[in-house]
Amino acid sequence: VVGPEVPTFKEEEHNAVHRSWGTKPDIVVDGKTPGKLHHHEIMGLLDMIDIERGTKVAKHRGYFLKGVGVLLN
């Protein structure tokens, strides 16, 4: 349940940051910065999924988890 004092906006730029932990790494992949990658791209970089084999079996949006991706599941 969100309290009445919490502002709600449709645009992300209006949201306030109240706390943050850690630092963002300076990794740039294919000209994209962290925080701008989709979850499947991050999991691919971490070698947690096999999209090509999953697509052959289940077609569009199919994937197989592997390694630490299986443990995460």
PDB file of N, CA and C in Angstrom:
ATOM      1  N   VAL A   1       0.849  -1.161   0.000  1.00  0.00           N
ATOM      2  CA  VAL A   1       0.000   0.000   0.000  1.00  0.00           C
ATOM      3  C   VAL A   1       0.902   1.234   0.000  1.00  0.00           C
ATOM      4  N   VAL A   2       0.658   2.119  -0.919  1.00  0.00           N
ATOM      5  CA  VAL A   2       1.436   3.346  -1.040  1.00  0.00           C
ATOM      6  C   VAL A   2       0.717   4.443  -0.258  1.00  0.00           C
ATOM      7  N   GLY A   3       1.467   5.135   0.594  1.00  0.00           N
ATOM      8  CA  GLY A   3       0.893   6.190   1.415  1.00  0.00           C
ATOM      9  C   GLY A   3       0.495   7.417   0.618  1.00  0.00           C
ATOM     10  N   PRO A   4      -0.348   8.271   1.154  1.00  0.00           N
ATOM     11  CA  PRO A   4      -0.816   9.458   0.443  1.00  0.00           C
ATOM     12  C   PRO A   4       0.287  10.497   0.239  1.00  0.00           C
ATOM     13  N   GLU A   5       1.355  10.433   1.011  1.00  0.00           N
ATOM     14  CA  GLU A   5       2.445  11.408   0.858  1.00  0.00           C
ATOM     15  C   GLU A   5       3.384  11.071  -0.295  1.00  0.00           C
ATOM     16  N   VAL A   6       3.210   9.908  -0.917  1.00  0.00           N
ATOM     17  CA  VAL A   6       4.061   9.493  -2.027  1.00  0.00           C
ATOM     18  C   VAL A   6       3.528  10.089  -3.323  1.00  0.00           C
ATOM     19  N   PRO A   7       4.346  10.911  -4.017  1.00  0.00           N
ATOM     20  CA  PRO A   7       3.877  11.492  -5.275  1.00  0.00           C
ATOM     21  C   PRO A   7       3.851  10.442  -6.383  1.00  0.00           C
ATOM     22  N   THR A   8       2.902  10.573  -7.286  1.00  0.00           N
ATOM     23  CA  THR A   8       2.826   9.664  -8.426  1.00  0.00           C
ATOM     24  C   THR A   8       2.856  10.487  -9.711  1.00  0.00           C
ATOM     25  N   PHE A   9       3.735  10.093 -10.600  1.00  0.00           N
ATOM     26  CA  PHE A   9       3.887  10.772 -11.890  1.00  0.00           C
ATOM     27  C   PHE A   9       3.901   9.738 -12.997  1.00  0.00           C
ATOM     28  N   LYS A  10       3.517  10.133 -14.176  1.00  0.00           N
ATOM     29  CA  LYS A  10       3.577   9.249 -15.331  1.00  0.00           C
ATOM     30  C   LYS A  10       4.956   9.282 -15.982  1.00  0.00           C
ATOM     31  N   GLU A  11       5.730  10.335 -15.734  1.00  0.00           N
ATOM     32  CA  GLU A  11       7.050  10.466 -16.322  1.00  0.00           C
ATOM     33  C   GLU A  11       8.112  10.143 -15.273  1.00  0.00           C
ATOM     34  N   GLU A  12       9.134   9.425 -15.681  1.00  0.00           N
ATOM     35  CA  GLU A  12      10.188   8.999 -14.771  1.00  0.00           C
ATOM     36  C   GLU A  12      11.020  10.168 -14.245  1.00  0.00           C
ATOM     37  N   GLU A  13      11.170  11.242 -15.020  1.00  0.00           N
ATOM     38  CA  GLU A  13      12.043  12.358 -14.608  1.00  0.00           C
ATOM     39  C   GLU A  13      11.510  13.120 -13.393  1.00  0.00           C
ATOM     40  N   HIS A  14      10.237  12.969 -13.078  1.00  0.00           N
ATOM     41  CA  HIS A  14       9.665  13.667 -11.929  1.00  0.00           C
ATOM     42  C   HIS A  14       9.834  12.902 -10.613  1.00  0.00           C
ATOM     43  N   ASN A  15      10.223  11.630 -10.696  1.00  0.00           N
ATOM     44  CA  ASN A  15      10.371  10.821  -9.495  1.00  0.00           C
ATOM     45  C   ASN A  15      11.600  11.253  -8.708  1.00  0.00           C
ATOM     46  N   ALA A  16      11.474  11.347  -7.401  1.00  0.00           N
ATOM     47  CA  ALA A  16      12.583  11.754  -6.535  1.00  0.00           C
ATOM     48  C   ALA A  16      13.334  10.524  -6.040  1.00  0.00           C
ATOM     49  N   VAL A  17      14.643  10.654  -5.853  1.00  0.00           N
ATOM     50  CA  VAL A  17      15.469   9.595  -5.288  1.00  0.00           C
ATOM     51  C   VAL A  17      15.647   9.886  -3.810  1.00  0.00           C
ATOM     52  N   HIS A  18      15.174   8.979  -2.968  1.00  0.00           N
ATOM     53  CA  HIS A  18      15.283   9.167  -1.524  1.00  0.00           C
ATOM     54  C   HIS A  18      16.509   8.470  -0.962  1.00  0.00           C
ATOM     55  N   ARG A  19      16.856   7.309  -1.510  1.00  0.00           N
ATOM     56  CA  ARG A  19      18.039   6.563  -1.083  1.00  0.00           C
ATOM     57  C   ARG A  19      18.636   5.862  -2.287  1.00  0.00           C
ATOM     58  N   SER A  20      19.932   5.654  -2.246  1.00  0.00           N
ATOM     59  CA  SER A  20      20.594   4.839  -3.260  1.00  0.00           C
ATOM     60  C   SER A  20      21.743   4.095  -2.595  1.00  0.00           C
ATOM     61  N   TRP A  21      22.048   2.928  -3.124  1.00  0.00           N
ATOM     62  CA  TRP A  21      23.108   2.094  -2.573  1.00  0.00           C
ATOM     63  C   TRP A  21      24.109   1.777  -3.664  1.00  0.00           C
ATOM     64  N   GLY A  22      25.380   1.719  -3.292  1.00  0.00           N
ATOM     65  CA  GLY A  22      26.423   1.340  -4.223  1.00  0.00           C
ATOM     66  C   GLY A  22      26.697   2.398  -5.271  1.00  0.00           C
ATOM     67  N   THR A  23      27.482   2.022  -6.244  1.00  0.00           N
ATOM     68  CA  THR A  23      27.817   2.908  -7.351  1.00  0.00           C
ATOM     69  C   THR A  23      27.520   2.205  -8.666  1.00  0.00           C
ATOM     70  N   LYS A  24      27.233   2.959  -9.680  1.00  0.00           N
ATOM     71  CA  LYS A  24      26.984   2.396 -10.994  1.00  0.00           C
ATOM     72  C   LYS A  24      28.326   2.131 -11.670  1.00  0.00           C
ATOM     73  N   PRO A  25      28.495   0.946 -12.255  1.00  0.00           N
ATOM     74  CA  PRO A  25      29.764   0.657 -12.935  1.00  0.00           C
ATOM     75  C   PRO A  25      29.876   1.443 -14.231  1.00  0.00           C
ATOM     76  N   ASP A  26      31.099   1.658 -14.660  1.00  0.00           N
ATOM     77  CA  ASP A  26      31.356   2.395 -15.897  1.00  0.00           C
ATOM     78  C   ASP A  26      31.499   1.439 -17.077  1.00  0.00           C
ATOM     79  N   ILE A  27      30.532   0.551 -17.247  1.00  0.00           N
ATOM     80  CA  ILE A  27      30.554  -0.423 -18.336  1.00  0.00           C
ATOM     81  C   ILE A  27      29.705   0.113 -19.484  1.00  0.00           C
ATOM     82  N   VAL A  28      30.249   0.085 -20.684  1.00  0.00           N
ATOM     83  CA  VAL A  28      29.483   0.481 -21.860  1.00  0.00           C
ATOM     84  C   VAL A  28      29.533  -0.680 -22.842  1.00  0.00           C
ATOM     85  N   VAL A  29      28.365  -1.203 -23.225  1.00  0.00           N
ATOM     86  CA  VAL A  29      28.266  -2.316 -24.154  1.00  0.00           C
ATOM     87  C   VAL A  29      27.458  -1.874 -25.353  1.00  0.00           C
ATOM     88  N   ASP A  30      28.035  -1.981 -26.522  1.00  0.00           N
ATOM     89  CA  ASP A  30      27.348  -1.603 -27.761  1.00  0.00           C
ATOM     90  C   ASP A  30      26.816  -0.172 -27.705  1.00  0.00           C
ATOM     91  N   GLY A  31      27.528   0.723 -27.030  1.00  0.00           N
ATOM     92  CA  GLY A  31      27.113   2.112 -26.954  1.00  0.00           C
ATOM     93  C   GLY A  31      26.002   2.371 -25.967  1.00  0.00           C
ATOM     94  N   LYS A  32      25.593   1.344 -25.188  1.00  0.00           N
ATOM     95  CA  LYS A  32      24.527   1.508 -24.203  1.00  0.00           C
ATOM     96  C   LYS A  32      25.147   1.575 -22.811  1.00  0.00           C
ATOM     97  N   THR A  33      24.542   2.310 -21.931  1.00  0.00           N
ATOM     98  CA  THR A  33      25.043   2.425 -20.569  1.00  0.00           C
ATOM     99  C   THR A  33      24.233   1.546 -19.631  1.00  0.00           C
ATOM    100  N   PRO A  34      24.797   1.138 -18.502  1.00  0.00           N
ATOM    101  CA  PRO A  34      24.023   0.349 -17.539  1.00  0.00           C
ATOM    102  C   PRO A  34      22.772   1.097 -17.112  1.00  0.00           C
ATOM    103  N   GLY A  35      21.734   0.365 -16.874  1.00  0.00           N
ATOM    104  CA  GLY A  35      20.456   0.977 -16.545  1.00  0.00           C
ATOM    105  C   GLY A  35      19.624   1.211 -17.791  1.00  0.00           C
ATOM    106  N   LYS A  36      20.252   1.115 -18.945  1.00  0.00           N
ATOM    107  CA  LYS A  36      19.546   1.267 -20.211  1.00  0.00           C
ATOM    108  C   LYS A  36      19.445  -0.067 -20.947  1.00  0.00           C
ATOM    109  N   LEU A  37      19.940  -1.139 -20.346  1.00  0.00           N
ATOM    110  CA  LEU A  37      19.864  -2.454 -20.961  1.00  0.00           C
ATOM    111  C   LEU A  37      18.602  -3.166 -20.498  1.00  0.00           C
ATOM    112  N   HIS A  38      18.035  -3.988 -21.369  1.00  0.00           N
ATOM    113  CA  HIS A  38      16.886  -4.800 -21.001  1.00  0.00           C
ATOM    114  C   HIS A  38      17.361  -5.997 -20.184  1.00  0.00           C
ATOM    115  N   HIS A  39      16.439  -6.605 -19.436  1.00  0.00           N
ATOM    116  CA  HIS A  39      16.820  -7.708 -18.560  1.00  0.00           C
ATOM    117  C   HIS A  39      17.425  -8.870 -19.340  1.00  0.00           C
ATOM    118  N   HIS A  40      16.942  -9.156 -20.538  1.00  0.00           N
ATOM    119  CA  HIS A  40      17.496 -10.259 -21.315  1.00  0.00           C
ATOM    120  C   HIS A  40      18.905  -9.935 -21.804  1.00  0.00           C
ATOM    121  N   GLU A  41      19.202  -8.659 -22.043  1.00  0.00           N
ATOM    122  CA  GLU A  41      20.550  -8.264 -22.436  1.00  0.00           C
ATOM    123  C   GLU A  41      21.528  -8.423 -21.272  1.00  0.00           C
ATOM    124  N   ILE A  42      21.090  -8.059 -20.084  1.00  0.00           N
ATOM    125  CA  ILE A  42      21.936  -8.211 -18.902  1.00  0.00           C
ATOM    126  C   ILE A  42      22.198  -9.683 -18.627  1.00  0.00           C
ATOM    127  N   MET A  43      21.139 -10.496 -18.698  1.00  0.00           N
ATOM    128  CA  MET A  43      21.310 -11.927 -18.458  1.00  0.00           C
ATOM    129  C   MET A  43      22.200 -12.559 -19.524  1.00  0.00           C
ATOM    130  N   GLY A  44      22.138 -12.071 -20.755  1.00  0.00           N
ATOM    131  CA  GLY A  44      23.019 -12.562 -21.803  1.00  0.00           C
ATOM    132  C   GLY A  44      24.472 -12.198 -21.542  1.00  0.00           C
ATOM    133  N   LEU A  45      24.708 -10.974 -21.072  1.00  0.00           N
ATOM    134  CA  LEU A  45      26.072 -10.551 -20.742  1.00  0.00           C
ATOM    135  C   LEU A  45      26.649 -11.364 -19.592  1.00  0.00           C
ATOM    136  N   LEU A  46      25.792 -11.780 -18.670  1.00  0.00           N
ATOM    137  CA  LEU A  46      26.226 -12.579 -17.525  1.00  0.00           C
ATOM    138  C   LEU A  46      26.225 -14.074 -17.825  1.00  0.00           C
ATOM    139  N   ASP A  47      25.945 -14.447 -19.067  1.00  0.00           N
ATOM    140  CA  ASP A  47      25.918 -15.842 -19.519  1.00  0.00           C
ATOM    141  C   ASP A  47      24.947 -16.679 -18.693  1.00  0.00           C
ATOM    142  N   MET A  48      23.753 -16.125 -18.451  1.00  0.00           N
ATOM    143  CA  MET A  48      22.737 -16.799 -17.661  1.00  0.00           C
ATOM    144  C   MET A  48      21.648 -17.426 -18.518  1.00  0.00           C
ATOM    145  N   ILE A  49      21.553 -17.050 -19.800  1.00  0.00           N
ATOM    146  CA  ILE A  49      20.505 -17.584 -20.671  1.00  0.00           C
ATOM    147  C   ILE A  49      21.088 -17.946 -22.037  1.00  0.00           C
ATOM    148  N   ASP A  50      20.401 -18.860 -22.709  1.00  0.00           N
ATOM    149  CA  ASP A  50      20.746 -19.232 -24.074  1.00  0.00           C
ATOM    150  C   ASP A  50      19.527 -18.938 -24.939  1.00  0.00           C
ATOM    151  N   ILE A  51      19.529 -17.774 -25.555  1.00  0.00           N
ATOM    152  CA  ILE A  51      18.380 -17.322 -26.340  1.00  0.00           C
ATOM    153  C   ILE A  51      18.278 -18.065 -27.662  1.00  0.00           C
ATOM    154  N   GLU A  52      19.410 -18.334 -28.304  1.00  0.00           N
ATOM    155  CA  GLU A  52      19.386 -18.977 -29.622  1.00  0.00           C
ATOM    156  C   GLU A  52      18.768 -20.375 -29.553  1.00  0.00           C
ATOM    157  N   ARG A  53      19.188 -21.192 -28.604  1.00  0.00           N
ATOM    158  CA  ARG A  53      18.621 -22.541 -28.468  1.00  0.00           C
ATOM    159  C   ARG A  53      17.154 -22.485 -28.054  1.00  0.00           C
ATOM    160  N   GLY A  54      16.808 -21.560 -27.164  1.00  0.00           N
ATOM    161  CA  GLY A  54      15.425 -21.433 -26.730  1.00  0.00           C
ATOM    162  C   GLY A  54      14.508 -21.012 -27.855  1.00  0.00           C
ATOM    163  N   THR A  55      14.995 -20.153 -28.733  1.00  0.00           N
ATOM    164  CA  THR A  55      14.201 -19.693 -29.867  1.00  0.00           C
ATOM    165  C   THR A  55      13.966 -20.818 -30.864  1.00  0.00           C
ATOM    166  N   LYS A  56      14.945 -21.707 -31.026  1.00  0.00           N
ATOM    167  CA  LYS A  56      14.772 -22.844 -31.930  1.00  0.00           C
ATOM    168  C   LYS A  56      13.682 -23.785 -31.429  1.00  0.00           C
ATOM    169  N   VAL A  57      13.578 -23.942 -30.107  1.00  0.00           N
ATOM    170  CA  VAL A  57      12.601 -24.860 -29.532  1.00  0.00           C
ATOM    171  C   VAL A  57      11.228 -24.214 -29.388  1.00  0.00           C
ATOM    172  N   ALA A  58      11.182 -23.007 -28.799  1.00  0.00           N
ATOM    173  CA  ALA A  58       9.901 -22.378 -28.461  1.00  0.00           C
ATOM    174  C   ALA A  58       9.562 -21.180 -29.347  1.00  0.00           C
ATOM    175  N   LYS A  59      10.378 -20.940 -30.344  1.00  0.00           N
ATOM    176  CA  LYS A  59      10.193 -19.805 -31.260  1.00  0.00           C
ATOM    177  C   LYS A  59      10.379 -18.465 -30.552  1.00  0.00           C
ATOM    178  N   HIS A  60       9.583 -17.480 -30.894  1.00  0.00           N
ATOM    179  CA  HIS A  60       9.754 -16.111 -30.403  1.00  0.00           C
ATOM    180  C   HIS A  60       9.717 -16.049 -28.881  1.00  0.00           C
ATOM    181  N   ARG A  61      10.672 -15.363 -28.283  1.00  0.00           N
ATOM    182  CA  ARG A  61      10.798 -15.151 -26.834  1.00  0.00           C
ATOM    183  C   ARG A  61      11.144 -16.405 -26.040  1.00  0.00           C
ATOM    184  N   GLY A  62      11.562 -17.455 -26.706  1.00  0.00           N
ATOM    185  CA  GLY A  62      11.978 -18.650 -25.984  1.00  0.00           C
ATOM    186  C   GLY A  62      13.411 -18.499 -25.495  1.00  0.00           C
ATOM    187  N   TYR A  63      13.720 -19.101 -24.361  1.00  0.00           N
ATOM    188  CA  TYR A  63      15.075 -19.063 -23.826  1.00  0.00           C
ATOM    189  C   TYR A  63      15.277 -20.225 -22.874  1.00  0.00           C
ATOM    190  N   PHE A  64      16.534 -20.596 -22.690  1.00  0.00           N
ATOM    191  CA  PHE A  64      16.903 -21.587 -21.689  1.00  0.00           C
ATOM    192  C   PHE A  64      17.772 -20.902 -20.654  1.00  0.00           C
ATOM    193  N   LEU A  65      17.496 -21.156 -19.385  1.00  0.00           N
ATOM    194  CA  LEU A  65      18.375 -20.678 -18.329  1.00  0.00           C
ATOM    195  C   LEU A  65      19.572 -21.609 -18.255  1.00  0.00           C
ATOM    196  N   LYS A  66      20.726 -21.048 -17.885  1.00  0.00           N
ATOM    197  CA  LYS A  66      21.905 -21.872 -17.721  1.00  0.00           C
ATOM    198  C   LYS A  66      22.797 -21.289 -16.633  1.00  0.00           C
ATOM    199  N   GLY A  67      23.632 -22.121 -16.059  1.00  0.00           N
ATOM    200  CA  GLY A  67      24.572 -21.672 -15.034  1.00  0.00           C
ATOM    201  C   GLY A  67      23.876 -21.030 -13.855  1.00  0.00           C
ATOM    202  N   VAL A  68      24.303 -19.816 -13.500  1.00  0.00           N
ATOM    203  CA  VAL A  68      23.728 -19.122 -12.352  1.00  0.00           C
ATOM    204  C   VAL A  68      22.287 -18.671 -12.618  1.00  0.00           C
ATOM    205  N   GLY A  69      21.865 -18.624 -13.884  1.00  0.00           N
ATOM    206  CA  GLY A  69      20.474 -18.301 -14.198  1.00  0.00           C
ATOM    207  C   GLY A  69      19.543 -19.374 -13.669  1.00  0.00           C
ATOM    208  N   VAL A  70      19.975 -20.636 -13.707  1.00  0.00           N
ATOM    209  CA  VAL A  70      19.175 -21.734 -13.161  1.00  0.00           C
ATOM    210  C   VAL A  70      19.098 -21.598 -11.653  1.00  0.00           C
ATOM    211  N   LEU A  71      20.212 -21.254 -11.022  1.00  0.00           N
ATOM    212  CA  LEU A  71      20.216 -21.083  -9.565  1.00  0.00           C
ATOM    213  C   LEU A  71      19.347 -19.912  -9.155  1.00  0.00           C
ATOM    214  N   LEU A  72      19.348 -18.842  -9.953  1.00  0.00           N
ATOM    215  CA  LEU A  72      18.537 -17.673  -9.655  1.00  0.00           C
ATOM    216  C   LEU A  72      17.052 -18.019  -9.711  1.00  0.00           C
ATOM    217  N   ASN A  73      16.683 -18.874 -10.665  1.00  0.00           N
ATOM    218  CA  ASN A  73      15.293 -19.281 -10.790  1.00  0.00           C
ATOM    219  C   ASN A  73      14.868 -20.037  -9.565  1.00  0.00           C
TER     220      ASN A  73
END
